[in-house]
Amino acid sequence: LTLALFALSITFGACLAVGLTAMRVSRYKLLDRIARAYVFVF
């Protein structure tokens, strides 16, 4: 159960992080600000 928690959270977290990273390096300021706010909160 511990390993399942780790594997699922890392997998979903990495997939979400890839999208957020694309928003952070995007040339569109709105996407960058949304990603910045998410990172700041969590």
PDB file of all heavy atoms in Angstrom:
ATOM      1  N   LEU A   1       0.826  -1.201   0.000  1.00  0.00           N
ATOM      2  CA  LEU A   1       0.000   0.000   0.000  1.00  0.00           C
ATOM      3  C   LEU A   1       0.865   1.258   0.000  1.00  0.00           C
ATOM      4  O   LEU A   1       0.566   2.241  -0.692  1.00  0.00           O
ATOM      5  CB  LEU A   1      -0.928  -0.004   1.211  1.00  0.00           C
ATOM      6  CG  LEU A   1      -2.070   1.020   1.203  1.00  0.00           C
ATOM      7  CD1 LEU A   1      -2.975   0.797   0.005  1.00  0.00           C
ATOM      8  CD2 LEU A   1      -2.866   0.931   2.492  1.00  0.00           C
ATOM      9  N   THR A   2       1.958   1.231   0.752  1.00  0.00           N
ATOM     10  CA  THR A   2       2.888   2.369   0.753  1.00  0.00           C
ATOM     11  C   THR A   2       3.513   2.555  -0.620  1.00  0.00           C
ATOM     12  O   THR A   2       3.623   3.686  -1.118  1.00  0.00           O
ATOM     13  CB  THR A   2       3.978   2.147   1.810  1.00  0.00           C
ATOM     14  OG1 THR A   2       3.382   2.126   3.110  1.00  0.00           O
ATOM     15  CG2 THR A   2       5.017   3.255   1.767  1.00  0.00           C
ATOM     16  N   LEU A   3       3.943   1.470  -1.236  1.00  0.00           N
ATOM     17  CA  LEU A   3       4.550   1.561  -2.565  1.00  0.00           C
ATOM     18  C   LEU A   3       3.536   2.033  -3.607  1.00  0.00           C
ATOM     19  O   LEU A   3       3.889   2.784  -4.530  1.00  0.00           O
ATOM     20  CB  LEU A   3       5.132   0.201  -2.963  1.00  0.00           C
ATOM     21  CG  LEU A   3       6.294  -0.303  -2.108  1.00  0.00           C
ATOM     22  CD1 LEU A   3       6.738  -1.684  -2.572  1.00  0.00           C
ATOM     23  CD2 LEU A   3       7.464   0.677  -2.148  1.00  0.00           C
ATOM     24  N   ALA A   4       2.272   1.592  -3.466  1.00  0.00           N
ATOM     25  CA  ALA A   4       1.240   2.053  -4.394  1.00  0.00           C
ATOM     26  C   ALA A   4       0.993   3.550  -4.238  1.00  0.00           C
ATOM     27  O   ALA A   4       0.826   4.274  -5.231  1.00  0.00           O
ATOM     28  CB  ALA A   4      -0.054   1.273  -4.160  1.00  0.00           C
ATOM     29  N   LEU A   5       0.964   4.025  -2.999  1.00  0.00           N
ATOM     30  CA  LEU A   5       0.823   5.460  -2.751  1.00  0.00           C
ATOM     31  C   LEU A   5       1.946   6.240  -3.428  1.00  0.00           C
ATOM     32  O   LEU A   5       1.708   7.250  -4.097  1.00  0.00           O
ATOM     33  CB  LEU A   5       0.833   5.734  -1.249  1.00  0.00           C
ATOM     34  CG  LEU A   5      -0.479   5.648  -0.479  1.00  0.00           C
ATOM     35  CD1 LEU A   5      -0.210   5.809   1.006  1.00  0.00           C
ATOM     36  CD2 LEU A   5      -1.462   6.685  -0.960  1.00  0.00           C
ATOM     37  N   PHE A   6       3.160   5.760  -3.253  1.00  0.00           N
ATOM     38  CA  PHE A   6       4.315   6.447  -3.829  1.00  0.00           C
ATOM     39  C   PHE A   6       4.278   6.412  -5.350  1.00  0.00           C
ATOM     40  O   PHE A   6       4.452   7.450  -6.007  1.00  0.00           O
ATOM     41  CB  PHE A   6       5.595   5.802  -3.315  1.00  0.00           C
ATOM     42  CG  PHE A   6       6.827   6.214  -4.060  1.00  0.00           C
ATOM     43  CD1 PHE A   6       7.352   7.486  -3.904  1.00  0.00           C
ATOM     44  CD2 PHE A   6       7.451   5.342  -4.933  1.00  0.00           C
ATOM     45  CE1 PHE A   6       8.481   7.875  -4.600  1.00  0.00           C
ATOM     46  CE2 PHE A   6       8.567   5.722  -5.632  1.00  0.00           C
ATOM     47  CZ  PHE A   6       9.095   6.988  -5.473  1.00  0.00           C
ATOM     48  N   ALA A   7       4.056   5.243  -5.923  1.00  0.00           N
ATOM     49  CA  ALA A   7       4.103   5.101  -7.382  1.00  0.00           C
ATOM     50  C   ALA A   7       3.017   5.939  -8.057  1.00  0.00           C
ATOM     51  O   ALA A   7       3.278   6.644  -9.042  1.00  0.00           O
ATOM     52  CB  ALA A   7       3.962   3.627  -7.764  1.00  0.00           C
ATOM     53  N   LEU A   8       1.795   5.890  -7.542  1.00  0.00           N
ATOM     54  CA  LEU A   8       0.700   6.634  -8.166  1.00  0.00           C
ATOM     55  C   LEU A   8       0.890   8.136  -8.007  1.00  0.00           C
ATOM     56  O   LEU A   8       0.665   8.901  -8.961  1.00  0.00           O
ATOM     57  CB  LEU A   8      -0.632   6.200  -7.551  1.00  0.00           C
ATOM     58  CG  LEU A   8      -1.090   4.776  -7.883  1.00  0.00           C
ATOM     59  CD1 LEU A   8      -2.354   4.419  -7.108  1.00  0.00           C
ATOM     60  CD2 LEU A   8      -1.332   4.621  -9.380  1.00  0.00           C
ATOM     61  N   SER A   9       1.300   8.573  -6.829  1.00  0.00           N
ATOM     62  CA  SER A   9       1.471  10.012  -6.611  1.00  0.00           C
ATOM     63  C   SER A   9       2.615  10.570  -7.450  1.00  0.00           C
ATOM     64  O   SER A   9       2.503  11.660  -8.025  1.00  0.00           O
ATOM     65  CB  SER A   9       1.703  10.290  -5.131  1.00  0.00           C
ATOM     66  OG  SER A   9       2.874   9.638  -4.672  1.00  0.00           O
ATOM     67  N   ILE A  10       3.716   9.824  -7.562  1.00  0.00           N
ATOM     68  CA  ILE A  10       4.833  10.284  -8.383  1.00  0.00           C
ATOM     69  C   ILE A  10       4.459  10.304  -9.858  1.00  0.00           C
ATOM     70  O   ILE A  10       4.796  11.242 -10.594  1.00  0.00           O
ATOM     71  CB  ILE A  10       6.063   9.383  -8.143  1.00  0.00           C
ATOM     72  CG1 ILE A  10       6.776   9.779  -6.852  1.00  0.00           C
ATOM     73  CG2 ILE A  10       7.042   9.479  -9.309  1.00  0.00           C
ATOM     74  CD1 ILE A  10       7.442  11.141  -6.888  1.00  0.00           C
ATOM     75  N   THR A  11       3.720   9.294 -10.315  1.00  0.00           N
ATOM     76  CA  THR A  11       3.330   9.228 -11.724  1.00  0.00           C
ATOM     77  C   THR A  11       2.404  10.375 -12.095  1.00  0.00           C
ATOM     78  O   THR A  11       2.646  11.114 -13.057  1.00  0.00           O
ATOM     79  CB  THR A  11       2.649   7.887 -12.021  1.00  0.00           C
ATOM     80  OG1 THR A  11       3.549   6.815 -11.716  1.00  0.00           O
ATOM     81  CG2 THR A  11       2.249   7.801 -13.480  1.00  0.00           C
ATOM     82  N   PHE A  12       1.320  10.532 -11.323  1.00  0.00           N
ATOM     83  CA  PHE A  12       0.381  11.612 -11.622  1.00  0.00           C
ATOM     84  C   PHE A  12       1.024  12.975 -11.401  1.00  0.00           C
ATOM     85  O   PHE A  12       0.772  13.921 -12.160  1.00  0.00           O
ATOM     86  CB  PHE A  12      -0.869  11.468 -10.752  1.00  0.00           C
ATOM     87  CG  PHE A  12      -1.681  10.248 -11.065  1.00  0.00           C
ATOM     88  CD1 PHE A  12      -2.323   9.549 -10.059  1.00  0.00           C
ATOM     89  CD2 PHE A  12      -1.806   9.781 -12.360  1.00  0.00           C
ATOM     90  CE1 PHE A  12      -3.068   8.419 -10.343  1.00  0.00           C
ATOM     91  CE2 PHE A  12      -2.553   8.652 -12.659  1.00  0.00           C
ATOM     92  CZ  PHE A  12      -3.189   7.965 -11.643  1.00  0.00           C
ATOM     93  N   GLY A  13       1.842  13.089 -10.364  1.00  0.00           N
ATOM     94  CA  GLY A  13       2.512  14.361 -10.108  1.00  0.00           C
ATOM     95  C   GLY A  13       3.470  14.742 -11.212  1.00  0.00           C
ATOM     96  O   GLY A  13       3.547  15.916 -11.595  1.00  0.00           O
ATOM     97  N   ALA A  14       4.208  13.764 -11.749  1.00  0.00           N
ATOM     98  CA  ALA A  14       5.141  14.057 -12.842  1.00  0.00           C
ATOM     99  C   ALA A  14       4.397  14.477 -14.109  1.00  0.00           C
ATOM    100  O   ALA A  14       4.826  15.406 -14.814  1.00  0.00           O
ATOM    101  CB  ALA A  14       6.018  12.837 -13.116  1.00  0.00           C
ATOM    102  N   CYS A  15       3.283  13.803 -14.397  1.00  0.00           N
ATOM    103  CA  CYS A  15       2.495  14.183 -15.579  1.00  0.00           C
ATOM    104  C   CYS A  15       1.958  15.603 -15.439  1.00  0.00           C
ATOM    105  O   CYS A  15       1.993  16.392 -16.396  1.00  0.00           O
ATOM    106  CB  CYS A  15       1.350  13.200 -15.780  1.00  0.00           C
ATOM    107  SG  CYS A  15       1.868  11.517 -16.209  1.00  0.00           S
ATOM    108  N   LEU A  16       1.444  15.926 -14.256  1.00  0.00           N
ATOM    109  CA  LEU A  16       0.958  17.285 -14.017  1.00  0.00           C
ATOM    110  C   LEU A  16       2.094  18.296 -14.079  1.00  0.00           C
ATOM    111  O   LEU A  16       1.931  19.412 -14.601  1.00  0.00           O
ATOM    112  CB  LEU A  16       0.258  17.345 -12.659  1.00  0.00           C
ATOM    113  CG  LEU A  16      -0.320  18.692 -12.231  1.00  0.00           C
ATOM    114  CD1 LEU A  16      -1.328  19.203 -13.258  1.00  0.00           C
ATOM    115  CD2 LEU A  16      -0.974  18.585 -10.862  1.00  0.00           C
ATOM    116  N   ALA A  17       3.259  17.922 -13.573  1.00  0.00           N
ATOM    117  CA  ALA A  17       4.405  18.829 -13.574  1.00  0.00           C
ATOM    118  C   ALA A  17       4.881  19.130 -14.988  1.00  0.00           C
ATOM    119  O   ALA A  17       5.345  20.250 -15.265  1.00  0.00           O
ATOM    120  CB  ALA A  17       5.543  18.240 -12.751  1.00  0.00           C
ATOM    121  N   VAL A  18       4.788  18.160 -15.883  1.00  0.00           N
ATOM    122  CA  VAL A  18       5.191  18.404 -17.274  1.00  0.00           C
ATOM    123  C   VAL A  18       4.314  19.491 -17.893  1.00  0.00           C
ATOM    124  O   VAL A  18       4.804  20.409 -18.570  1.00  0.00           O
ATOM    125  CB  VAL A  18       5.120  17.094 -18.081  1.00  0.00           C
ATOM    126  CG1 VAL A  18       5.290  17.368 -19.573  1.00  0.00           C
ATOM    127  CG2 VAL A  18       6.187  16.112 -17.615  1.00  0.00           C
ATOM    128  N   GLY A  19       2.997  19.389 -17.656  1.00  0.00           N
ATOM    129  CA  GLY A  19       2.103  20.425 -18.170  1.00  0.00           C
ATOM    130  C   GLY A  19       2.351  21.786 -17.547  1.00  0.00           C
ATOM    131  O   GLY A  19       2.350  22.810 -18.232  1.00  0.00           O
ATOM    132  N   LEU A  20       2.574  21.803 -16.239  1.00  0.00           N
ATOM    133  CA  LEU A  20       2.854  23.067 -15.558  1.00  0.00           C
ATOM    134  C   LEU A  20       4.183  23.664 -16.011  1.00  0.00           C
ATOM    135  O   LEU A  20       4.317  24.898 -16.110  1.00  0.00           O
ATOM    136  CB  LEU A  20       2.856  22.847 -14.050  1.00  0.00           C
ATOM    137  CG  LEU A  20       1.496  22.555 -13.411  1.00  0.00           C
ATOM    138  CD1 LEU A  20       1.679  22.118 -11.964  1.00  0.00           C
ATOM    139  CD2 LEU A  20       0.585  23.773 -13.489  1.00  0.00           C
ATOM    140  N   THR A  21       5.159  22.799 -16.274  1.00  0.00           N
ATOM    141  CA  THR A  21       6.446  23.295 -16.764  1.00  0.00           C
ATOM    142  C   THR A  21       6.292  23.942 -18.135  1.00  0.00           C
ATOM    143  O   THR A  21       6.889  24.993 -18.402  1.00  0.00           O
ATOM    144  CB  THR A  21       7.456  22.146 -16.843  1.00  0.00           C
ATOM    145  OG1 THR A  21       7.589  21.537 -15.560  1.00  0.00           O
ATOM    146  CG2 THR A  21       8.814  22.647 -17.298  1.00  0.00           C
ATOM    147  N   ALA A  22       5.473  23.314 -18.985  1.00  0.00           N
ATOM    148  CA  ALA A  22       5.210  23.916 -20.294  1.00  0.00           C
ATOM    149  C   ALA A  22       4.540  25.280 -20.144  1.00  0.00           C
ATOM    150  O   ALA A  22       4.828  26.208 -20.911  1.00  0.00           O
ATOM    151  CB  ALA A  22       4.335  22.980 -21.124  1.00  0.00           C
ATOM    152  N   MET A  23       3.667  25.411 -19.145  1.00  0.00           N
ATOM    153  CA  MET A  23       3.033  26.701 -18.893  1.00  0.00           C
ATOM    154  C   MET A  23       4.036  27.713 -18.354  1.00  0.00           C
ATOM    155  O   MET A  23       3.976  28.902 -18.698  1.00  0.00           O
ATOM    156  CB  MET A  23       1.878  26.523 -17.906  1.00  0.00           C
ATOM    157  CG  MET A  23       0.734  25.679 -18.435  1.00  0.00           C
ATOM    158  SD  MET A  23      -0.482  25.251 -17.160  1.00  0.00           S
ATOM    159  CE  MET A  23      -1.110  26.869 -16.722  1.00  0.00           C
ATOM    160  N   ARG A  24       4.971  27.248 -17.516  1.00  0.00           N
ATOM    161  CA  ARG A  24       5.963  28.160 -16.932  1.00  0.00           C
ATOM    162  C   ARG A  24       6.904  28.740 -17.980  1.00  0.00           C
ATOM    163  O   ARG A  24       7.363  29.876 -17.854  1.00  0.00           O
ATOM    164  CB  ARG A  24       6.763  27.445 -15.856  1.00  0.00           C
ATOM    165  CG  ARG A  24       6.032  27.232 -14.578  1.00  0.00           C
ATOM    166  CD  ARG A  24       5.889  28.519 -13.766  1.00  0.00           C
ATOM    167  NE  ARG A  24       7.127  28.841 -13.050  1.00  0.00           N
ATOM    168  CZ  ARG A  24       7.858  29.911 -13.257  1.00  0.00           C
ATOM    169  NH1 ARG A  24       7.510  30.769 -14.201  1.00  0.00           N
ATOM    170  NH2 ARG A  24       8.947  30.154 -12.537  1.00  0.00           N
ATOM    171  N   VAL A  25       7.231  27.955 -18.991  1.00  0.00           N
ATOM    172  CA  VAL A  25       8.161  28.427 -20.019  1.00  0.00           C
ATOM    173  C   VAL A  25       7.430  28.935 -21.253  1.00  0.00           C
ATOM    174  O   VAL A  25       8.056  29.258 -22.264  1.00  0.00           O
ATOM    175  CB  VAL A  25       9.144  27.305 -20.423  1.00  0.00           C
ATOM    176  CG1 VAL A  25       9.968  26.852 -19.228  1.00  0.00           C
ATOM    177  CG2 VAL A  25       8.405  26.107 -21.023  1.00  0.00           C
ATOM    178  N   SER A  26       6.103  29.016 -21.153  1.00  0.00           N
ATOM    179  CA  SER A  26       5.316  29.490 -22.282  1.00  0.00           C
ATOM    180  C   SER A  26       5.505  30.994 -22.482  1.00  0.00           C
ATOM    181  O   SER A  26       5.797  31.739 -21.541  1.00  0.00           O
ATOM    182  CB  SER A  26       3.835  29.171 -22.054  1.00  0.00           C
ATOM    183  OG  SER A  26       3.037  29.760 -23.063  1.00  0.00           O
ATOM    184  N   ARG A  27       5.316  31.442 -23.702  1.00  0.00           N
ATOM    185  CA  ARG A  27       5.418  32.871 -23.988  1.00  0.00           C
ATOM    186  C   ARG A  27       4.138  33.621 -23.631  1.00  0.00           C
ATOM    187  O   ARG A  27       4.107  34.853 -23.690  1.00  0.00           O
ATOM    188  CB  ARG A  27       5.724  33.074 -25.476  1.00  0.00           C
ATOM    189  CG  ARG A  27       4.697  32.481 -26.415  1.00  0.00           C
ATOM    190  CD  ARG A  27       5.121  32.642 -27.867  1.00  0.00           C
ATOM    191  NE  ARG A  27       4.170  32.025 -28.769  1.00  0.00           N
ATOM    192  CZ  ARG A  27       4.304  32.017 -30.097  1.00  0.00           C
ATOM    193  NH1 ARG A  27       5.358  32.611 -30.641  1.00  0.00           N
ATOM    194  NH2 ARG A  27       3.408  31.430 -30.860  1.00  0.00           N
ATOM    195  N   TYR A  28       3.093  32.872 -23.282  1.00  0.00           N
ATOM    196  CA  TYR A  28       1.827  33.493 -22.887  1.00  0.00           C
ATOM    197  C   TYR A  28       1.861  33.795 -21.387  1.00  0.00           C
ATOM    198  O   TYR A  28       1.994  32.893 -20.556  1.00  0.00           O
ATOM    199  CB  TYR A  28       0.648  32.578 -23.218  1.00  0.00           C
ATOM    200  CG  TYR A  28       0.531  32.264 -24.691  1.00  0.00           C
ATOM    201  CD1 TYR A  28       0.925  31.027 -25.183  1.00  0.00           C
ATOM    202  CD2 TYR A  28       0.044  33.224 -25.588  1.00  0.00           C
ATOM    203  CE1 TYR A  28       0.825  30.741 -26.537  1.00  0.00           C
ATOM    204  CE2 TYR A  28      -0.054  32.945 -26.941  1.00  0.00           C
ATOM    205  CZ  TYR A  28       0.343  31.698 -27.407  1.00  0.00           C
ATOM    206  OH  TYR A  28       0.264  31.427 -28.746  1.00  0.00           O
ATOM    207  N   LYS A  29       1.734  35.035 -21.025  1.00  0.00           N
ATOM    208  CA  LYS A  29       1.869  35.466 -19.637  1.00  0.00           C
ATOM    209  C   LYS A  29       0.795  34.875 -18.738  1.00  0.00           C
ATOM    210  O   LYS A  29       1.050  34.580 -17.569  1.00  0.00           O
ATOM    211  CB  LYS A  29       1.816  37.000 -19.567  1.00  0.00           C
ATOM    212  CG  LYS A  29       2.978  37.699 -20.272  1.00  0.00           C
ATOM    213  CD  LYS A  29       4.299  37.346 -19.589  1.00  0.00           C
ATOM    214  CE  LYS A  29       5.450  38.102 -20.236  1.00  0.00           C
ATOM    215  NZ  LYS A  29       6.756  37.763 -19.608  1.00  0.00           N
ATOM    216  N   LEU A  30      -0.422  34.704 -19.254  1.00  0.00           N
ATOM    217  CA  LEU A  30      -1.504  34.173 -18.428  1.00  0.00           C
ATOM    218  C   LEU A  30      -1.202  32.751 -17.970  1.00  0.00           C
ATOM    219  O   LEU A  30      -1.404  32.415 -16.792  1.00  0.00           O
ATOM    220  CB  LEU A  30      -2.821  34.216 -19.205  1.00  0.00           C
ATOM    221  CG  LEU A  30      -4.045  33.654 -18.463  1.00  0.00           C
ATOM    222  CD1 LEU A  30      -4.302  34.448 -17.185  1.00  0.00           C
ATOM    223  CD2 LEU A  30      -5.276  33.673 -19.374  1.00  0.00           C
ATOM    224  N   LEU A  31      -0.725  31.926 -18.877  1.00  0.00           N
ATOM    225  CA  LEU A  31      -0.376  30.555 -18.512  1.00  0.00           C
ATOM    226  C   LEU A  31       0.764  30.527 -17.499  1.00  0.00           C
ATOM    227  O   LEU A  31       0.750  29.739 -16.548  1.00  0.00           O
ATOM    228  CB  LEU A  31       0.009  29.761 -19.767  1.00  0.00           C
ATOM    229  CG  LEU A  31      -1.090  29.546 -20.811  1.00  0.00           C
ATOM    230  CD1 LEU A  31      -0.536  28.779 -22.013  1.00  0.00           C
ATOM    231  CD2 LEU A  31      -2.270  28.814 -20.211  1.00  0.00           C
ATOM    232  N   ASP A  32       1.725  31.385 -17.703  1.00  0.00           N
ATOM    233  CA  ASP A  32       2.848  31.457 -16.769  1.00  0.00           C
ATOM    234  C   ASP A  32       2.375  31.871 -15.375  1.00  0.00           C
ATOM    235  O   ASP A  32       2.803  31.313 -14.360  1.00  0.00           O
ATOM    236  CB  ASP A  32       3.878  32.447 -17.301  1.00  0.00           C
ATOM    237  CG  ASP A  32       5.074  32.586 -16.374  1.00  0.00           C
ATOM    238  OD1 ASP A  32       5.501  31.572 -15.789  1.00  0.00           O
ATOM    239  OD2 ASP A  32       5.585  33.705 -16.222  1.00  0.00           O
ATOM    240  N   ARG A  33       1.466  32.826 -15.304  1.00  0.00           N
ATOM    241  CA  ARG A  33       0.987  33.293 -14.005  1.00  0.00           C
ATOM    242  C   ARG A  33       0.144  32.228 -13.309  1.00  0.00           C
ATOM    243  O   ARG A  33       0.201  32.097 -12.075  1.00  0.00           O
ATOM    244  CB  ARG A  33       0.191  34.584 -14.190  1.00  0.00           C
ATOM    245  CG  ARG A  33       1.069  35.774 -14.573  1.00  0.00           C
ATOM    246  CD  ARG A  33       0.244  37.013 -14.846  1.00  0.00           C
ATOM    247  NE  ARG A  33       1.099  38.136 -15.215  1.00  0.00           N
ATOM    248  CZ  ARG A  33       0.649  39.324 -15.600  1.00  0.00           C
ATOM    249  NH1 ARG A  33      -0.664  39.532 -15.654  1.00  0.00           N
ATOM    250  NH2 ARG A  33       1.495  40.289 -15.905  1.00  0.00           N
ATOM    251  N   ILE A  34      -0.640  31.486 -14.054  1.00  0.00           N
ATOM    252  CA  ILE A  34      -1.428  30.404 -13.450  1.00  0.00           C
ATOM    253  C   ILE A  34      -0.510  29.344 -12.855  1.00  0.00           C
ATOM    254  O   ILE A  34      -0.718  28.864 -11.725  1.00  0.00           O
ATOM    255  CB  ILE A  34      -2.382  29.784 -14.500  1.00  0.00           C
ATOM    256  CG1 ILE A  34      -3.451  30.790 -14.912  1.00  0.00           C
ATOM    257  CG2 ILE A  34      -3.034  28.515 -13.947  1.00  0.00           C
ATOM    258  CD1 ILE A  34      -4.337  30.305 -16.041  1.00  0.00           C
ATOM    259  N   ALA A  35       0.523  28.966 -13.601  1.00  0.00           N
ATOM    260  CA  ALA A  35       1.475  27.973 -13.100  1.00  0.00           C
ATOM    261  C   ALA A  35       2.238  28.504 -11.892  1.00  0.00           C
ATOM    262  O   ALA A  35       2.483  27.773 -10.927  1.00  0.00           O
ATOM    263  CB  ALA A  35       2.448  27.573 -14.209  1.00  0.00           C
ATOM    264  N   ARG A  36       2.598  29.776 -11.920  1.00  0.00           N
ATOM    265  CA  ARG A  36       3.290  30.388 -10.784  1.00  0.00           C
ATOM    266  C   ARG A  36       2.414  30.358  -9.530  1.00  0.00           C
ATOM    267  O   ARG A  36       2.893  30.059  -8.428  1.00  0.00           O
ATOM    268  CB  ARG A  36       3.671  31.835 -11.106  1.00  0.00           C
ATOM    269  CG  ARG A  36       4.872  31.989 -12.011  1.00  0.00           C
ATOM    270  CD  ARG A  36       5.053  33.465 -12.349  1.00  0.00           C
ATOM    271  NE  ARG A  36       6.189  33.684 -13.224  1.00  0.00           N
ATOM    272  CZ  ARG A  36       7.411  33.988 -12.812  1.00  0.00           C
ATOM    273  NH1 ARG A  36       7.650  34.100 -11.514  1.00  0.00           N
ATOM    274  NH2 ARG A  36       8.394  34.186 -13.663  1.00  0.00           N
ATOM    275  N   ALA A  37       1.133  30.668  -9.700  1.00  0.00           N
ATOM    276  CA  ALA A  37       0.212  30.661  -8.560  1.00  0.00           C
ATOM    277  C   ALA A  37       0.065  29.258  -7.990  1.00  0.00           C
ATOM    278  O   ALA A  37       0.035  29.074  -6.767  1.00  0.00           O
ATOM    279  CB  ALA A  37      -1.147  31.222  -8.991  1.00  0.00           C
ATOM    280  N   TYR A  38      -0.030  28.269  -8.863  1.00  0.00           N
ATOM    281  CA  TYR A  38      -0.143  26.885  -8.397  1.00  0.00           C
ATOM    282  C   TYR A  38       1.094  26.484  -7.589  1.00  0.00           C
ATOM    283  O   TYR A  38       0.978  25.921  -6.491  1.00  0.00           O
ATOM    284  CB  TYR A  38      -0.306  25.961  -9.599  1.00  0.00           C
ATOM    285  CG  TYR A  38      -0.383  24.493  -9.224  1.00  0.00           C
ATOM    286  CD1 TYR A  38      -1.603  23.878  -9.020  1.00  0.00           C
ATOM    287  CD2 TYR A  38       0.770  23.723  -9.078  1.00  0.00           C
ATOM    288  CE1 TYR A  38      -1.681  22.546  -8.669  1.00  0.00           C
ATOM    289  CE2 TYR A  38       0.702  22.397  -8.724  1.00  0.00           C
ATOM    290  CZ  TYR A  38      -0.522  21.812  -8.532  1.00  0.00           C
ATOM    291  OH  TYR A  38      -0.586  20.490  -8.170  1.00  0.00           O
ATOM    292  N   VAL A  39       2.258  26.766  -8.118  1.00  0.00           N
ATOM    293  CA  VAL A  39       3.499  26.415  -7.425  1.00  0.00           C
ATOM    294  C   VAL A  39       3.595  27.136  -6.082  1.00  0.00           C
ATOM    295  O   VAL A  39       3.991  26.540  -5.070  1.00  0.00           O
ATOM    296  CB  VAL A  39       4.715  26.743  -8.321  1.00  0.00           C
ATOM    297  CG1 VAL A  39       6.009  26.587  -7.542  1.00  0.00           C
ATOM    298  CG2 VAL A  39       4.721  25.838  -9.554  1.00  0.00           C
ATOM    299  N   PHE A  40       3.204  28.409  -6.066  1.00  0.00           N
ATOM    300  CA  PHE A  40       3.273  29.185  -4.824  1.00  0.00           C
ATOM    301  C   PHE A  40       2.359  28.591  -3.748  1.00  0.00           C
ATOM    302  O   PHE A  40       2.757  28.460  -2.583  1.00  0.00           O
ATOM    303  CB  PHE A  40       2.888  30.634  -5.104  1.00  0.00           C
ATOM    304  CG  PHE A  40       2.766  31.466  -3.857  1.00  0.00           C
ATOM    305  CD1 PHE A  40       3.904  31.915  -3.192  1.00  0.00           C
ATOM    306  CD2 PHE A  40       1.517  31.786  -3.346  1.00  0.00           C
ATOM    307  CE1 PHE A  40       3.782  32.678  -2.035  1.00  0.00           C
ATOM    308  CE2 PHE A  40       1.401  32.549  -2.194  1.00  0.00           C
ATOM    309  CZ  PHE A  40       2.535  32.993  -1.542  1.00  0.00           C
ATOM    310  N   VAL A  41       1.150  28.209  -4.133  1.00  0.00           N
ATOM    311  CA  VAL A  41       0.182  27.692  -3.153  1.00  0.00           C
ATOM    312  C   VAL A  41       0.621  26.354  -2.600  1.00  0.00           C
ATOM    313  O   VAL A  41       0.634  26.138  -1.375  1.00  0.00           O
ATOM    314  CB  VAL A  41      -1.221  27.588  -3.795  1.00  0.00           C
ATOM    315  CG1 VAL A  41      -2.172  26.819  -2.879  1.00  0.00           C
ATOM    316  CG2 VAL A  41      -1.776  28.969  -4.085  1.00  0.00           C
ATOM    317  N   PHE A  42       1.015  25.434  -3.456  1.00  0.00           N
ATOM    318  CA  PHE A  42       1.299  24.076  -2.995  1.00  0.00           C
ATOM    319  C   PHE A  42       2.700  23.924  -2.408  1.00  0.00           C
ATOM    320  O   PHE A  42       2.942  23.004  -1.642  1.00  0.00           O
ATOM    321  CB  PHE A  42       1.086  23.073  -4.136  1.00  0.00           C
ATOM    322  CG  PHE A  42      -0.357  22.786  -4.394  1.00  0.00           C
ATOM    323  CD1 PHE A  42      -1.072  23.503  -5.330  1.00  0.00           C
ATOM    324  CD2 PHE A  42      -1.015  21.796  -3.680  1.00  0.00           C
ATOM    325  CE1 PHE A  42      -2.411  23.245  -5.566  1.00  0.00           C
ATOM    326  CE2 PHE A  42      -2.354  21.523  -3.901  1.00  0.00           C
ATOM    327  CZ  PHE A  42      -3.056  22.254  -4.846  1.00  0.00           C
TER     328      PHE A  42
END
